[in-house]
């Protein structure tokens, strides 16, 4: 019996690229810039953490393969 995931490899790669782009935006702009604030919120949504608690930001992208239905 095979296990199906809710995301295929292409969609997972797209999510990784969105996450990396948000990290680049946040690192290149001041914290008060609206794009940086939005990037910080997006990163927090990806990691499931508050903006202040982003120690292991990429952990979920490296270690977790989403499966099932949300």
PDB file of N, CA and C in Angstrom:
ATOM      1  N   UNK A   1       0.847  -1.171   0.000  1.00  0.00           N
ATOM      2  CA  UNK A   1       0.000   0.000   0.000  1.00  0.00           C
ATOM      3  C   UNK A   1       0.898   1.242   0.000  1.00  0.00           C
ATOM      4  N   UNK A   2       0.668   2.133  -0.927  1.00  0.00           N
ATOM      5  CA  UNK A   2       1.489   3.342  -1.004  1.00  0.00           C
ATOM      6  C   UNK A   2       0.841   4.470  -0.221  1.00  0.00           C
ATOM      7  N   UNK A   3       1.690   5.356   0.229  1.00  0.00           N
ATOM      8  CA  UNK A   3       1.224   6.498   1.006  1.00  0.00           C
ATOM      9  C   UNK A   3       1.171   7.720   0.098  1.00  0.00           C
ATOM     10  N   UNK A   4       0.038   8.395   0.083  1.00  0.00           N
ATOM     11  CA  UNK A   4      -0.109   9.577  -0.745  1.00  0.00           C
ATOM     12  C   UNK A   4       0.059  10.827   0.101  1.00  0.00           C
ATOM     13  N   UNK A   5       0.674  11.843  -0.495  1.00  0.00           N
ATOM     14  CA  UNK A   5       0.819  13.119   0.183  1.00  0.00           C
ATOM     15  C   UNK A   5      -0.123  14.119  -0.454  1.00  0.00           C
ATOM     16  N   UNK A   6      -0.447  15.153   0.282  1.00  0.00           N
ATOM     17  CA  UNK A   6      -1.339  16.175  -0.244  1.00  0.00           C
ATOM     18  C   UNK A   6      -0.603  17.093  -1.214  1.00  0.00           C
ATOM     19  N   UNK A   7       0.717  17.108  -1.164  1.00  0.00           N
ATOM     20  CA  UNK A   7       1.518  17.928  -2.063  1.00  0.00           C
ATOM     21  C   UNK A   7       2.437  17.040  -2.883  1.00  0.00           C
ATOM     22  N   UNK A   8       2.514  17.342  -4.150  1.00  0.00           N
ATOM     23  CA  UNK A   8       3.461  16.632  -4.993  1.00  0.00           C
ATOM     24  C   UNK A   8       4.826  17.284  -4.894  1.00  0.00           C
ATOM     25  N   UNK A   9       5.825  16.683  -5.506  1.00  0.00           N
ATOM     26  CA  UNK A   9       7.180  17.232  -5.446  1.00  0.00           C
ATOM     27  C   UNK A   9       7.272  18.656  -6.005  1.00  0.00           C
ATOM     28  N   UNK A  10       6.547  18.919  -7.085  1.00  0.00           N
ATOM     29  CA  UNK A  10       6.603  20.251  -7.691  1.00  0.00           C
ATOM     30  C   UNK A  10       5.999  21.307  -6.757  1.00  0.00           C
ATOM     31  N   UNK A  11       4.873  21.003  -6.146  1.00  0.00           N
ATOM     32  CA  UNK A  11       4.251  21.944  -5.222  1.00  0.00           C
ATOM     33  C   UNK A  11       5.121  22.160  -3.989  1.00  0.00           C
ATOM     34  N   UNK A  12       5.749  21.097  -3.520  1.00  0.00           N
ATOM     35  CA  UNK A  12       6.622  21.215  -2.360  1.00  0.00           C
ATOM     36  C   UNK A  12       7.813  22.107  -2.684  1.00  0.00           C
ATOM     37  N   UNK A  13       8.384  21.948  -3.873  1.00  0.00           N
ATOM     38  CA  UNK A  13       9.503  22.799  -4.305  1.00  0.00           C
ATOM     39  C   UNK A  13       9.053  24.263  -4.412  1.00  0.00           C
ATOM     40  N   UNK A  14       7.829  24.479  -4.880  1.00  0.00           N
ATOM     41  CA  UNK A  14       7.321  25.845  -4.978  1.00  0.00           C
ATOM     42  C   UNK A  14       7.191  26.479  -3.596  1.00  0.00           C
ATOM     43  N   UNK A  15       6.721  25.723  -2.631  1.00  0.00           N
ATOM     44  CA  UNK A  15       6.622  26.241  -1.264  1.00  0.00           C
ATOM     45  C   UNK A  15       8.002  26.561  -0.704  1.00  0.00           C
ATOM     46  N   UNK A  16       8.979  25.717  -0.994  1.00  0.00           N
ATOM     47  CA  UNK A  16      10.337  25.991  -0.535  1.00  0.00           C
ATOM     48  C   UNK A  16      10.855  27.283  -1.148  1.00  0.00           C
ATOM     49  N   UNK A  17      10.598  27.517  -2.412  1.00  0.00           N
ATOM     50  CA  UNK A  17      11.072  28.733  -3.075  1.00  0.00           C
ATOM     51  C   UNK A  17      10.377  29.972  -2.510  1.00  0.00           C
ATOM     52  N   UNK A  18       9.097  29.871  -2.216  1.00  0.00           N
ATOM     53  CA  UNK A  18       8.377  30.998  -1.600  1.00  0.00           C
ATOM     54  C   UNK A  18       8.991  31.320  -0.247  1.00  0.00           C
ATOM     55  N   UNK A  19       9.274  30.279   0.530  1.00  0.00           N
ATOM     56  CA  UNK A  19       9.881  30.472   1.845  1.00  0.00           C
ATOM     57  C   UNK A  19      11.250  31.143   1.716  1.00  0.00           C
ATOM     58  N   UNK A  20      12.082  30.638   0.794  1.00  0.00           N
ATOM     59  CA  UNK A  20      13.414  31.227   0.606  1.00  0.00           C
ATOM     60  C   UNK A  20      13.323  32.681   0.145  1.00  0.00           C
ATOM     61  N   UNK A  21      12.364  32.979  -0.734  1.00  0.00           N
ATOM     62  CA  UNK A  21      12.189  34.361  -1.200  1.00  0.00           C
ATOM     63  C   UNK A  21      11.794  35.267  -0.046  1.00  0.00           C
ATOM     64  N   UNK A  22      10.930  34.800   0.833  1.00  0.00           N
ATOM     65  CA  UNK A  22      10.533  35.597   2.001  1.00  0.00           C
ATOM     66  C   UNK A  22      11.736  35.848   2.903  1.00  0.00           C
ATOM     67  N   UNK A  23      12.586  34.841   3.063  1.00  0.00           N
ATOM     68  CA  UNK A  23      13.803  35.017   3.874  1.00  0.00           C
ATOM     69  C   UNK A  23      14.731  36.059   3.249  1.00  0.00           C
ATOM     70  N   UNK A  24      14.861  36.035   1.925  1.00  0.00           N
ATOM     71  CA  UNK A  24      15.708  37.021   1.244  1.00  0.00           C
ATOM     72  C   UNK A  24      15.156  38.421   1.424  1.00  0.00           C
ATOM     73  N   UNK A  25      13.853  38.584   1.257  1.00  0.00           N
ATOM     74  CA  UNK A  25      13.229  39.899   1.418  1.00  0.00           C
ATOM     75  C   UNK A  25      13.469  40.414   2.829  1.00  0.00           C
ATOM     76  N   UNK A  26      13.240  39.552   3.807  1.00  0.00           N
ATOM     77  CA  UNK A  26      13.400  39.973   5.200  1.00  0.00           C
ATOM     78  C   UNK A  26      14.842  40.353   5.521  1.00  0.00           C
ATOM     79  N   UNK A  27      15.804  39.668   4.916  1.00  0.00           N
ATOM     80  CA  UNK A  27      17.199  39.972   5.210  1.00  0.00           C
ATOM     81  C   UNK A  27      17.695  41.230   4.494  1.00  0.00           C
ATOM     82  N   UNK A  28      17.055  41.617   3.410  1.00  0.00           N
ATOM     83  CA  UNK A  28      17.528  42.744   2.614  1.00  0.00           C
ATOM     84  C   UNK A  28      16.862  44.070   2.965  1.00  0.00           C
ATOM     85  N   UNK A  29      15.752  44.023   3.663  1.00  0.00           N
ATOM     86  CA  UNK A  29      15.018  45.251   3.966  1.00  0.00           C
ATOM     87  C   UNK A  29      14.973  45.498   5.466  1.00  0.00           C
ATOM     88  N   UNK A  30      14.817  46.762   5.868  1.00  0.00           N
ATOM     89  CA  UNK A  30      14.681  47.049   7.303  1.00  0.00           C
ATOM     90  C   UNK A  30      13.403  46.416   7.863  1.00  0.00           C
ATOM     91  N   UNK A  31      13.426  46.119   9.146  1.00  0.00           N
ATOM     92  CA  UNK A  31      12.278  45.475   9.794  1.00  0.00           C
ATOM     93  C   UNK A  31      10.987  46.268   9.658  1.00  0.00           C
ATOM     94  N   UNK A  32      11.098  47.587   9.554  1.00  0.00           N
ATOM     95  CA  UNK A  32       9.904  48.424   9.490  1.00  0.00           C
ATOM     96  C   UNK A  32       9.300  48.508   8.083  1.00  0.00           C
ATOM     97  N   UNK A  33       9.996  48.019   7.081  1.00  0.00           N
ATOM     98  CA  UNK A  33       9.492  48.069   5.713  1.00  0.00           C
ATOM     99  C   UNK A  33       8.285  47.127   5.585  1.00  0.00           C
ATOM    100  N   UNK A  34       7.223  47.581   4.912  1.00  0.00           N
ATOM    101  CA  UNK A  34       6.021  46.735   4.792  1.00  0.00           C
ATOM    102  C   UNK A  34       6.292  45.356   4.177  1.00  0.00           C
ATOM    103  N   UNK A  35       7.185  45.269   3.202  1.00  0.00           N
ATOM    104  CA  UNK A  35       7.493  43.965   2.599  1.00  0.00           C
ATOM    105  C   UNK A  35       8.209  43.056   3.597  1.00  0.00           C
ATOM    106  N   UNK A  36       9.053  43.631   4.439  1.00  0.00           N
ATOM    107  CA  UNK A  36       9.752  42.839   5.447  1.00  0.00           C
ATOM    108  C   UNK A  36       8.772  42.344   6.510  1.00  0.00           C
ATOM    109  N   UNK A  37       7.838  43.192   6.894  1.00  0.00           N
ATOM    110  CA  UNK A  37       6.821  42.790   7.871  1.00  0.00           C
ATOM    111  C   UNK A  37       5.991  41.636   7.309  1.00  0.00           C
ATOM    112  N   UNK A  38       5.604  41.748   6.047  1.00  0.00           N
ATOM    113  CA  UNK A  38       4.823  40.698   5.405  1.00  0.00           C
ATOM    114  C   UNK A  38       5.635  39.417   5.284  1.00  0.00           C
ATOM    115  N   UNK A  39       6.913  39.533   4.925  1.00  0.00           N
ATOM    116  CA  UNK A  39       7.779  38.356   4.822  1.00  0.00           C
ATOM    117  C   UNK A  39       7.921  37.675   6.176  1.00  0.00           C
ATOM    118  N   UNK A  40       8.048  38.460   7.234  1.00  0.00           N
ATOM    119  CA  UNK A  40       8.160  37.900   8.578  1.00  0.00           C
ATOM    120  C   UNK A  40       6.901  37.127   8.944  1.00  0.00           C
ATOM    121  N   UNK A  41       5.747  37.671   8.596  1.00  0.00           N
ATOM    122  CA  UNK A  41       4.477  36.969   8.877  1.00  0.00           C
ATOM    123  C   UNK A  41       4.359  35.695   8.054  1.00  0.00           C
ATOM    124  N   UNK A  42       4.805  35.741   6.811  1.00  0.00           N
ATOM    125  CA  UNK A  42       4.759  34.557   5.962  1.00  0.00           C
ATOM    126  C   UNK A  42       5.674  33.466   6.514  1.00  0.00           C
ATOM    127  N   UNK A  43       6.860  33.844   6.925  1.00  0.00           N
ATOM    128  CA  UNK A  43       7.798  32.878   7.509  1.00  0.00           C
ATOM    129  C   UNK A  43       7.205  32.282   8.779  1.00  0.00           C
ATOM    130  N   UNK A  44       6.574  33.103   9.593  1.00  0.00           N
ATOM    131  CA  UNK A  44       5.942  32.608  10.818  1.00  0.00           C
ATOM    132  C   UNK A  44       4.823  31.623  10.487  1.00  0.00           C
ATOM    133  N   UNK A  45       4.085  31.882   9.424  1.00  0.00           N
ATOM    134  CA  UNK A  45       3.027  30.956   9.018  1.00  0.00           C
ATOM    135  C   UNK A  45       3.614  29.620   8.566  1.00  0.00           C
ATOM    136  N   UNK A  46       4.737  29.664   7.863  1.00  0.00           N
ATOM    137  CA  UNK A  46       5.383  28.438   7.422  1.00  0.00           C
ATOM    138  C   UNK A  46       5.918  27.636   8.599  1.00  0.00           C
ATOM    139  N   UNK A  47       6.514  28.304   9.554  1.00  0.00           N
ATOM    140  CA  UNK A  47       7.149  27.600  10.663  1.00  0.00           C
ATOM    141  C   UNK A  47       6.198  27.286  11.801  1.00  0.00           C
ATOM    142  N   UNK A  48       5.045  27.939  11.836  1.00  0.00           N
ATOM    143  CA  UNK A  48       4.103  27.710  12.919  1.00  0.00           C
ATOM    144  C   UNK A  48       4.532  28.361  14.208  1.00  0.00           C
ATOM    145  N   UNK A  49       5.376  29.377  14.109  1.00  0.00           N
ATOM    146  CA  UNK A  49       5.884  30.070  15.291  1.00  0.00           C
ATOM    147  C   UNK A  49       5.529  31.542  15.215  1.00  0.00           C
ATOM    148  N   UNK A  50       5.581  32.182  16.353  1.00  0.00           N
ATOM    149  CA  UNK A  50       5.454  33.631  16.383  1.00  0.00           C
ATOM    150  C   UNK A  50       6.675  34.234  15.718  1.00  0.00           C
ATOM    151  N   UNK A  51       6.550  35.443  15.229  1.00  0.00           N
ATOM    152  CA  UNK A  51       7.656  36.104  14.531  1.00  0.00           C
ATOM    153  C   UNK A  51       8.905  36.193  15.402  1.00  0.00           C
ATOM    154  N   UNK A  52       8.739  36.262  16.719  1.00  0.00           N
ATOM    155  CA  UNK A  52       9.878  36.393  17.618  1.00  0.00           C
ATOM    156  C   UNK A  52      10.553  35.050  17.900  1.00  0.00           C
ATOM    157  N   UNK A  53       9.919  33.941  17.561  1.00  0.00           N
ATOM    158  CA  UNK A  53      10.418  32.623  17.936  1.00  0.00           C
ATOM    159  C   UNK A  53      10.833  31.809  16.713  1.00  0.00           C
ATOM    160  N   UNK A  54      11.630  32.356  15.835  1.00  0.00           N
ATOM    161  CA  UNK A  54      11.948  31.669  14.593  1.00  0.00           C
ATOM    162  C   UNK A  54      13.342  31.070  14.587  1.00  0.00           C
ATOM    163  N   UNK A  55      13.661  30.306  15.583  1.00  0.00           N
ATOM    164  CA  UNK A  55      14.979  29.693  15.664  1.00  0.00           C
ATOM    165  C   UNK A  55      15.227  28.648  14.593  1.00  0.00           C
ATOM    166  N   UNK A  56      14.294  27.755  14.370  1.00  0.00           N
ATOM    167  CA  UNK A  56      14.472  26.668  13.402  1.00  0.00           C
ATOM    168  C   UNK A  56      13.571  26.909  12.194  1.00  0.00           C
ATOM    169  N   UNK A  57      13.821  28.000  11.501  1.00  0.00           N
ATOM    170  CA  UNK A  57      12.923  28.417  10.424  1.00  0.00           C
ATOM    171  C   UNK A  57      12.762  27.401   9.313  1.00  0.00           C
ATOM    172  N   UNK A  58      13.827  26.785   8.873  1.00  0.00           N
ATOM    173  CA  UNK A  58      13.723  25.880   7.735  1.00  0.00           C
ATOM    174  C   UNK A  58      13.505  24.427   8.132  1.00  0.00           C
ATOM    175  N   UNK A  59      13.398  24.144   9.399  1.00  0.00           N
ATOM    176  CA  UNK A  59      13.310  22.757   9.842  1.00  0.00           C
ATOM    177  C   UNK A  59      12.143  22.020   9.193  1.00  0.00           C
ATOM    178  N   UNK A  60      10.992  22.626   9.129  1.00  0.00           N
ATOM    179  CA  UNK A  60       9.844  21.918   8.585  1.00  0.00           C
ATOM    180  C   UNK A  60      10.030  21.629   7.100  1.00  0.00           C
ATOM    181  N   UNK A  61      10.751  22.486   6.376  1.00  0.00           N
ATOM    182  CA  UNK A  61      10.958  22.242   4.949  1.00  0.00           C
ATOM    183  C   UNK A  61      11.962  21.121   4.709  1.00  0.00           C
ATOM    184  N   UNK A  62      12.915  20.970   5.584  1.00  0.00           N
ATOM    185  CA  UNK A  62      13.918  19.920   5.424  1.00  0.00           C
ATOM    186  C   UNK A  62      13.416  18.580   5.938  1.00  0.00           C
ATOM    187  N   UNK A  63      12.685  18.568   7.031  1.00  0.00           N
ATOM    188  CA  UNK A  63      12.394  17.336   7.746  1.00  0.00           C
ATOM    189  C   UNK A  63      10.986  16.787   7.538  1.00  0.00           C
ATOM    190  N   UNK A  64      10.032  17.620   7.216  1.00  0.00           N
ATOM    191  CA  UNK A  64       8.646  17.190   7.182  1.00  0.00           C
ATOM    192  C   UNK A  64       8.121  17.197   5.757  1.00  0.00           C
ATOM    193  N   UNK A  65       7.568  16.120   5.358  1.00  0.00           N
ATOM    194  CA  UNK A  65       6.853  16.032   4.087  1.00  0.00           C
ATOM    195  C   UNK A  65       5.370  16.018   4.422  1.00  0.00           C
ATOM    196  N   UNK A  66       4.637  17.078   4.090  1.00  0.00           N
ATOM    197  CA  UNK A  66       3.211  17.097   4.426  1.00  0.00           C
ATOM    198  C   UNK A  66       2.470  15.908   3.827  1.00  0.00           C
ATOM    199  N   UNK A  67       1.545  15.347   4.591  1.00  0.00           N
ATOM    200  CA  UNK A  67       0.753  14.217   4.136  1.00  0.00           C
ATOM    201  C   UNK A  67      -0.671  14.367   4.635  1.00  0.00           C
ATOM    202  N   UNK A  68      -1.606  13.792   3.927  1.00  0.00           N
ATOM    203  CA  UNK A  68      -2.996  13.838   4.358  1.00  0.00           C
ATOM    204  C   UNK A  68      -3.687  15.096   3.896  1.00  0.00           C
ATOM    205  N   UNK A  69      -4.795  15.363   4.502  1.00  0.00           N
ATOM    206  CA  UNK A  69      -5.606  16.516   4.115  1.00  0.00           C
ATOM    207  C   UNK A  69      -5.589  17.557   5.223  1.00  0.00           C
ATOM    208  N   UNK A  70      -5.550  18.817   4.822  1.00  0.00           N
ATOM    209  CA  UNK A  70      -5.546  19.899   5.805  1.00  0.00           C
ATOM    210  C   UNK A  70      -6.955  20.345   6.089  1.00  0.00           C
TER     211      UNK A  70
END
